[in-house]
Amino acid sequence: MQKFIVHTIETAPEKSRPTLRGMQEKFGFLPNVMGTMAENPVLLNGFAASFGSFHGGSFDECEKQVLLLTNAVTLKCPWTVAAHSTFAIEDGLPESDVSAVRAGKLPRDPKYAALSAITKTLIENRGKASEADIERFVSAGYSRAQIFEVVLGTGISMTTATATNMAGTPIEDHFKAQTWAAA
C-alpha cells in the first residue's frame, strides 16, 4: 500500500528538482524511488551523491548489479529486487545468475559468487565479516580496498530498501516483469 507521494519533477520540493532531472536523464525515466525520496531533499540529494560515487567505482556494471540485487533480496525489498533484476539483465548478467540471486543463492560465476556472499554476510551480520569472509572475497580476484565499495553499495541499498518498503513505493511498468515477493 502506497503511503507517500511519488513526486514528479513538477510536484517535488524545489531543492529536489535538479537531482530528479539528473536521474531522469540518466535512466530515461524517473524511477519511483526517486520520486518518493524527493519529498525530502536531504535524503534524495544524499542518496544521489552516494549513488554517483558508487557507480563511479571499480566494479563493472554486472558486478554492481550482483551486489545491489543481493542486497535487495537480503533486505527483502520488492521494489529494489524488481529494479536490480531488470538492470542486471539489461547490463548483461546471465539470467541464470539473476535467478539464483533472486532465490537467495549464489551466482555460478565464482567472482560474482564471492561478491554476492560478502555483501550478504555484511547485511546479515550487521556489518561484521570474519577474516575468512574477507579472504574468500580477495581470493576471488578483488582487492581488500574494494570491500569498502561493498560497504557503500550496502548503504545505498539500505537507504533505498528502507525508503521504498516504508513508503510503499509502487513498482513502475519498466520493472513489472521482474516483480518479486520475499519467500
C-alpha atoms as a PDB file:
ATOM      1  CA  MET A   1       0.000   0.000   0.000  1.00  0.00           C
ATOM      2  CA  GLN A   2       1.431   3.340  -1.085  1.00  0.00           C
ATOM      3  CA  LYS A   3       1.802   5.635   1.935  1.00  0.00           C
ATOM      4  CA  PHE A   4       3.754   8.558   0.472  1.00  0.00           C
ATOM      5  CA  ILE A   5       3.574  10.709  -2.646  1.00  0.00           C
ATOM      6  CA  VAL A   6       5.648   9.686  -5.637  1.00  0.00           C
ATOM      7  CA  HIS A   7       6.652  13.133  -6.842  1.00  0.00           C
ATOM      8  CA  THR A   8       7.249  14.238 -10.384  1.00  0.00           C
ATOM      9  CA  ILE A   9       9.786  16.923 -11.170  1.00  0.00           C
ATOM     10  CA  GLU A  10       6.948  19.451 -11.179  1.00  0.00           C
ATOM     11  CA  THR A  11       5.435  18.436  -7.801  1.00  0.00           C
ATOM     12  CA  ALA A  12       8.718  17.913  -5.929  1.00  0.00           C
ATOM     13  CA  PRO A  13      10.184  20.418  -3.497  1.00  0.00           C
ATOM     14  CA  GLU A  14      12.388  22.933  -5.335  1.00  0.00           C
ATOM     15  CA  LYS A  15      15.635  21.561  -3.813  1.00  0.00           C
ATOM     16  CA  SER A  16      14.836  18.072  -5.144  1.00  0.00           C
ATOM     17  CA  ARG A  17      14.162  19.110  -8.726  1.00  0.00           C
ATOM     18  CA  PRO A  18      17.740  19.332 -10.079  1.00  0.00           C
ATOM     19  CA  THR A  19      18.522  15.843  -8.783  1.00  0.00           C
ATOM     20  CA  LEU A  20      15.296  14.460 -10.229  1.00  0.00           C
ATOM     21  CA  ARG A  21      16.141  15.995 -13.603  1.00  0.00           C
ATOM     22  CA  GLY A  22      19.574  14.348 -13.498  1.00  0.00           C
ATOM     23  CA  MET A  23      18.115  10.955 -12.563  1.00  0.00           C
ATOM     24  CA  GLN A  24      15.510  11.189 -15.305  1.00  0.00           C
ATOM     25  CA  GLU A  25      18.264  11.967 -17.795  1.00  0.00           C
ATOM     26  CA  LYS A  26      20.390   9.042 -16.557  1.00  0.00           C
ATOM     27  CA  PHE A  27      17.619   6.437 -16.637  1.00  0.00           C
ATOM     28  CA  GLY A  28      15.438   7.796 -19.437  1.00  0.00           C
ATOM     29  CA  PHE A  29      12.535   7.876 -16.966  1.00  0.00           C
ATOM     30  CA  LEU A  30      12.143   8.893 -13.336  1.00  0.00           C
ATOM     31  CA  PRO A  31      12.257   5.829 -11.064  1.00  0.00           C
ATOM     32  CA  ASN A  32       9.503   5.881  -8.447  1.00  0.00           C
ATOM     33  CA  VAL A  33      12.027   5.563  -5.627  1.00  0.00           C
ATOM     34  CA  MET A  34      13.486   8.935  -6.646  1.00  0.00           C
ATOM     35  CA  GLY A  35      10.024  10.463  -6.709  1.00  0.00           C
ATOM     36  CA  THR A  36       9.380   9.066  -3.225  1.00  0.00           C
ATOM     37  CA  MET A  37      12.718  10.272  -1.826  1.00  0.00           C
ATOM     38  CA  ALA A  38      12.112  13.713  -3.367  1.00  0.00           C
ATOM     39  CA  GLU A  39       9.732  14.523  -0.500  1.00  0.00           C
ATOM     40  CA  ASN A  40      12.896  15.243   1.491  1.00  0.00           C
ATOM     41  CA  PRO A  41      15.707  16.892  -0.496  1.00  0.00           C
ATOM     42  CA  VAL A  42      18.283  15.953   2.169  1.00  0.00           C
ATOM     43  CA  LEU A  43      17.549  12.257   1.608  1.00  0.00           C
ATOM     44  CA  LEU A  44      17.316  12.487  -2.177  1.00  0.00           C
ATOM     45  CA  ASN A  45      20.464  14.561  -2.633  1.00  0.00           C
ATOM     46  CA  GLY A  46      22.471  12.486  -0.145  1.00  0.00           C
ATOM     47  CA  PHE A  47      21.368   9.308  -1.889  1.00  0.00           C
ATOM     48  CA  ALA A  48      22.213  10.724  -5.324  1.00  0.00           C
ATOM     49  CA  ALA A  49      25.733  11.703  -4.203  1.00  0.00           C
ATOM     50  CA  SER A  50      26.389   8.224  -2.795  1.00  0.00           C
ATOM     51  CA  PHE A  51      24.810   6.603  -5.864  1.00  0.00           C
ATOM     52  CA  GLY A  52      27.093   8.614  -8.170  1.00  0.00           C
ATOM     53  CA  SER A  53      30.166   7.759  -6.153  1.00  0.00           C
ATOM     54  CA  PHE A  54      29.335   4.037  -6.091  1.00  0.00           C
ATOM     55  CA  HIS A  55      28.632   3.933  -9.824  1.00  0.00           C
ATOM     56  CA  GLY A  56      31.966   5.670 -10.480  1.00  0.00           C
ATOM     57  CA  GLY A  57      33.863   2.973  -8.545  1.00  0.00           C
ATOM     58  CA  SER A  58      35.877  -0.045  -9.614  1.00  0.00           C
ATOM     59  CA  PHE A  59      33.137  -2.658 -10.071  1.00  0.00           C
ATOM     60  CA  ASP A  60      31.884  -3.296 -13.593  1.00  0.00           C
ATOM     61  CA  GLU A  61      28.160  -2.981 -14.352  1.00  0.00           C
ATOM     62  CA  CYS A  62      27.391  -6.666 -13.793  1.00  0.00           C
ATOM     63  CA  GLU A  63      29.288  -6.694 -10.501  1.00  0.00           C
ATOM     64  CA  LYS A  64      27.365  -3.623  -9.321  1.00  0.00           C
ATOM     65  CA  GLN A  65      24.089  -5.333 -10.128  1.00  0.00           C
ATOM     66  CA  VAL A  66      25.128  -8.587  -8.402  1.00  0.00           C
ATOM     67  CA  LEU A  67      25.927  -6.572  -5.282  1.00  0.00           C
ATOM     68  CA  LEU A  68      22.771  -4.433  -5.402  1.00  0.00           C
ATOM     69  CA  LEU A  69      20.472  -7.342  -6.266  1.00  0.00           C
ATOM     70  CA  THR A  70      21.947  -9.462  -3.464  1.00  0.00           C
ATOM     71  CA  ASN A  71      21.339  -6.589  -1.070  1.00  0.00           C
ATOM     72  CA  ALA A  72      17.761  -6.154  -2.323  1.00  0.00           C
ATOM     73  CA  VAL A  73      16.945  -9.831  -1.772  1.00  0.00           C
ATOM     74  CA  THR A  74      18.689  -9.930   1.610  1.00  0.00           C
ATOM     75  CA  LEU A  75      16.781  -6.806   2.700  1.00  0.00           C
ATOM     76  CA  LYS A  76      13.534  -8.283   1.301  1.00  0.00           C
ATOM     77  CA  CYS A  77      12.647  -5.223  -0.772  1.00  0.00           C
ATOM     78  CA  PRO A  78      10.308  -5.979  -3.696  1.00  0.00           C
ATOM     79  CA  TRP A  79      10.907  -2.640  -5.448  1.00  0.00           C
ATOM     80  CA  THR A  80      14.703  -2.934  -5.431  1.00  0.00           C
ATOM     81  CA  VAL A  81      14.627  -6.614  -6.405  1.00  0.00           C
ATOM     82  CA  ALA A  82      12.460  -5.784  -9.427  1.00  0.00           C
ATOM     83  CA  ALA A  83      14.632  -2.798 -10.365  1.00  0.00           C
ATOM     84  CA  HIS A  84      18.010  -4.509  -9.974  1.00  0.00           C
ATOM     85  CA  SER A  85      16.821  -7.710 -11.658  1.00  0.00           C
ATOM     86  CA  THR A  86      15.820  -5.581 -14.646  1.00  0.00           C
ATOM     87  CA  PHE A  87      19.068  -3.583 -14.646  1.00  0.00           C
ATOM     88  CA  ALA A  88      21.168  -6.759 -14.210  1.00  0.00           C
ATOM     89  CA  ILE A  89      19.564  -8.353 -17.271  1.00  0.00           C
ATOM     90  CA  GLU A  90      19.896  -5.113 -19.257  1.00  0.00           C
ATOM     91  CA  ASP A  91      23.584  -4.924 -18.256  1.00  0.00           C
ATOM     92  CA  GLY A  92      24.253  -8.471 -19.493  1.00  0.00           C
ATOM     93  CA  LEU A  93      24.298 -10.531 -16.301  1.00  0.00           C
ATOM     94  CA  PRO A  94      23.254 -14.092 -17.231  1.00  0.00           C
ATOM     95  CA  GLU A  95      19.603 -14.678 -16.381  1.00  0.00           C
ATOM     96  CA  SER A  96      20.624 -17.859 -14.544  1.00  0.00           C
ATOM     97  CA  ASP A  97      22.725 -15.741 -12.159  1.00  0.00           C
ATOM     98  CA  VAL A  98      19.882 -13.249 -11.721  1.00  0.00           C
ATOM     99  CA  SER A  99      17.520 -16.131 -10.902  1.00  0.00           C
ATOM    100  CA  ALA A 100      19.998 -17.623  -8.431  1.00  0.00           C
ATOM    101  CA  VAL A 101      20.407 -14.363  -6.521  1.00  0.00           C
ATOM    102  CA  ARG A 102      16.626 -13.790  -6.520  1.00  0.00           C
ATOM    103  CA  ALA A 103      16.276 -17.257  -4.938  1.00  0.00           C
ATOM    104  CA  GLY A 104      18.814 -16.395  -2.226  1.00  0.00           C
ATOM    105  CA  LYS A 105      21.565 -18.491  -3.821  1.00  0.00           C
ATOM    106  CA  LEU A 106      24.983 -17.588  -5.192  1.00  0.00           C
ATOM    107  CA  PRO A 107      25.632 -16.905  -8.872  1.00  0.00           C
ATOM    108  CA  ARG A 108      27.543 -19.620 -10.784  1.00  0.00           C
ATOM    109  CA  ASP A 109      30.395 -17.293 -11.730  1.00  0.00           C
ATOM    110  CA  PRO A 110      32.964 -17.657  -8.898  1.00  0.00           C
ATOM    111  CA  LYS A 111      33.834 -13.960  -8.801  1.00  0.00           C
ATOM    112  CA  TYR A 112      30.174 -12.899  -8.715  1.00  0.00           C
ATOM    113  CA  ALA A 113      29.560 -15.572  -6.059  1.00  0.00           C
ATOM    114  CA  ALA A 114      32.294 -14.118  -3.831  1.00  0.00           C
ATOM    115  CA  LEU A 115      30.876 -10.611  -4.243  1.00  0.00           C
ATOM    116  CA  SER A 116      27.336 -11.786  -3.523  1.00  0.00           C
ATOM    117  CA  ALA A 117      28.496 -13.768  -0.481  1.00  0.00           C
ATOM    118  CA  ILE A 118      30.379 -10.893   1.139  1.00  0.00           C
ATOM    119  CA  THR A 119      27.576  -8.383   0.681  1.00  0.00           C
ATOM    120  CA  LYS A 120      25.009 -10.841   2.081  1.00  0.00           C
ATOM    121  CA  THR A 121      27.323 -11.570   5.018  1.00  0.00           C
ATOM    122  CA  LEU A 122      27.734  -7.874   5.814  1.00  0.00           C
ATOM    123  CA  ILE A 123      23.966  -7.317   5.900  1.00  0.00           C
ATOM    124  CA  GLU A 124      23.101 -10.463   7.815  1.00  0.00           C
ATOM    125  CA  ASN A 125      25.908  -9.930  10.352  1.00  0.00           C
ATOM    126  CA  ARG A 126      25.218  -6.201  10.774  1.00  0.00           C
ATOM    127  CA  GLY A 127      28.458  -5.047   9.204  1.00  0.00           C
ATOM    128  CA  LYS A 128      30.694  -7.774  10.541  1.00  0.00           C
ATOM    129  CA  ALA A 129      32.814 -10.016   8.348  1.00  0.00           C
ATOM    130  CA  SER A 130      35.398 -12.522   9.514  1.00  0.00           C
ATOM    131  CA  GLU A 131      38.905 -12.577   8.138  1.00  0.00           C
ATOM    132  CA  ALA A 132      37.909 -15.799   6.322  1.00  0.00           C
ATOM    133  CA  ASP A 133      34.953 -13.969   4.676  1.00  0.00           C
ATOM    134  CA  ILE A 134      37.266 -11.199   3.510  1.00  0.00           C
ATOM    135  CA  GLU A 135      39.881 -13.686   2.315  1.00  0.00           C
ATOM    136  CA  ARG A 136      37.285 -15.508   0.154  1.00  0.00           C
ATOM    137  CA  PHE A 137      36.407 -12.150  -1.405  1.00  0.00           C
ATOM    138  CA  VAL A 138      40.068 -11.286  -2.066  1.00  0.00           C
ATOM    139  CA  SER A 139      40.874 -14.810  -3.321  1.00  0.00           C
ATOM    140  CA  ALA A 140      38.202 -14.396  -5.995  1.00  0.00           C
ATOM    141  CA  GLY A 141      40.211 -11.539  -7.522  1.00  0.00           C
ATOM    142  CA  TYR A 142      39.049  -8.475  -5.616  1.00  0.00           C
ATOM    143  CA  SER A 143      41.291  -6.136  -3.644  1.00  0.00           C
ATOM    144  CA  ARG A 144      40.916  -5.616   0.091  1.00  0.00           C
ATOM    145  CA  ALA A 145      40.128  -1.961  -0.634  1.00  0.00           C
ATOM    146  CA  GLN A 146      37.095  -2.973  -2.724  1.00  0.00           C
ATOM    147  CA  ILE A 147      35.367  -4.234   0.410  1.00  0.00           C
ATOM    148  CA  PHE A 148      34.730  -0.572   1.198  1.00  0.00           C
ATOM    149  CA  GLU A 149      32.868  -0.175  -2.107  1.00  0.00           C
ATOM    150  CA  VAL A 150      30.738  -3.106  -0.951  1.00  0.00           C
ATOM    151  CA  VAL A 151      30.081  -1.130   2.236  1.00  0.00           C
ATOM    152  CA  LEU A 152      28.967   1.902   0.204  1.00  0.00           C
ATOM    153  CA  GLY A 153      26.749  -0.261  -2.011  1.00  0.00           C
ATOM    154  CA  THR A 154      25.183  -1.751   1.100  1.00  0.00           C
ATOM    155  CA  GLY A 155      24.466   1.718   2.474  1.00  0.00           C
ATOM    156  CA  ILE A 156      22.820   2.750  -0.793  1.00  0.00           C
ATOM    157  CA  SER A 157      20.738  -0.418  -0.773  1.00  0.00           C
ATOM    158  CA  MET A 158      19.707   0.089   2.837  1.00  0.00           C
ATOM    159  CA  THR A 159      18.581   3.634   2.045  1.00  0.00           C
ATOM    160  CA  THR A 160      16.584   2.531  -0.985  1.00  0.00           C
ATOM    161  CA  ALA A 161      15.030  -0.522   0.668  1.00  0.00           C
ATOM    162  CA  THR A 162      14.075   1.391   3.790  1.00  0.00           C
ATOM    163  CA  ALA A 163      12.525   4.252   1.815  1.00  0.00           C
ATOM    164  CA  THR A 164      10.581   2.038  -0.591  1.00  0.00           C
ATOM    165  CA  ASN A 165       9.438  -0.511   1.986  1.00  0.00           C
ATOM    166  CA  MET A 166       8.321   2.196   4.443  1.00  0.00           C
ATOM    167  CA  ALA A 167       6.667   4.343   1.780  1.00  0.00           C
ATOM    168  CA  GLY A 168       5.026   1.528  -0.151  1.00  0.00           C
ATOM    169  CA  THR A 169       6.630   2.786  -3.359  1.00  0.00           C
ATOM    170  CA  PRO A 170       4.874   1.185  -6.337  1.00  0.00           C
ATOM    171  CA  ILE A 171       6.807  -0.777  -8.948  1.00  0.00           C
ATOM    172  CA  GLU A 172       6.705   1.024 -12.268  1.00  0.00           C
ATOM    173  CA  ASP A 173       5.915  -0.673 -15.576  1.00  0.00           C
ATOM    174  CA  HIS A 174       9.596  -0.769 -16.596  1.00  0.00           C
ATOM    175  CA  PHE A 175      10.284  -3.234 -13.727  1.00  0.00           C
ATOM    176  CA  LYS A 176       6.959  -5.160 -13.528  1.00  0.00           C
ATOM    177  CA  ALA A 177       8.267  -8.214 -15.418  1.00  0.00           C
ATOM    178  CA  GLN A 178      10.720  -8.753 -12.547  1.00  0.00           C
ATOM    179  CA  THR A 179       8.208  -8.400  -9.700  1.00  0.00           C
ATOM    180  CA  TRP A 180       9.316 -10.439  -6.692  1.00  0.00           C
ATOM    181  CA  ALA A 181       7.949 -11.396  -3.302  1.00  0.00           C
ATOM    182  CA  ALA A 182      10.026 -12.494  -0.322  1.00  0.00           C
ATOM    183  CA  ALA A 183       9.834 -16.195   0.487  1.00  0.00           C
END
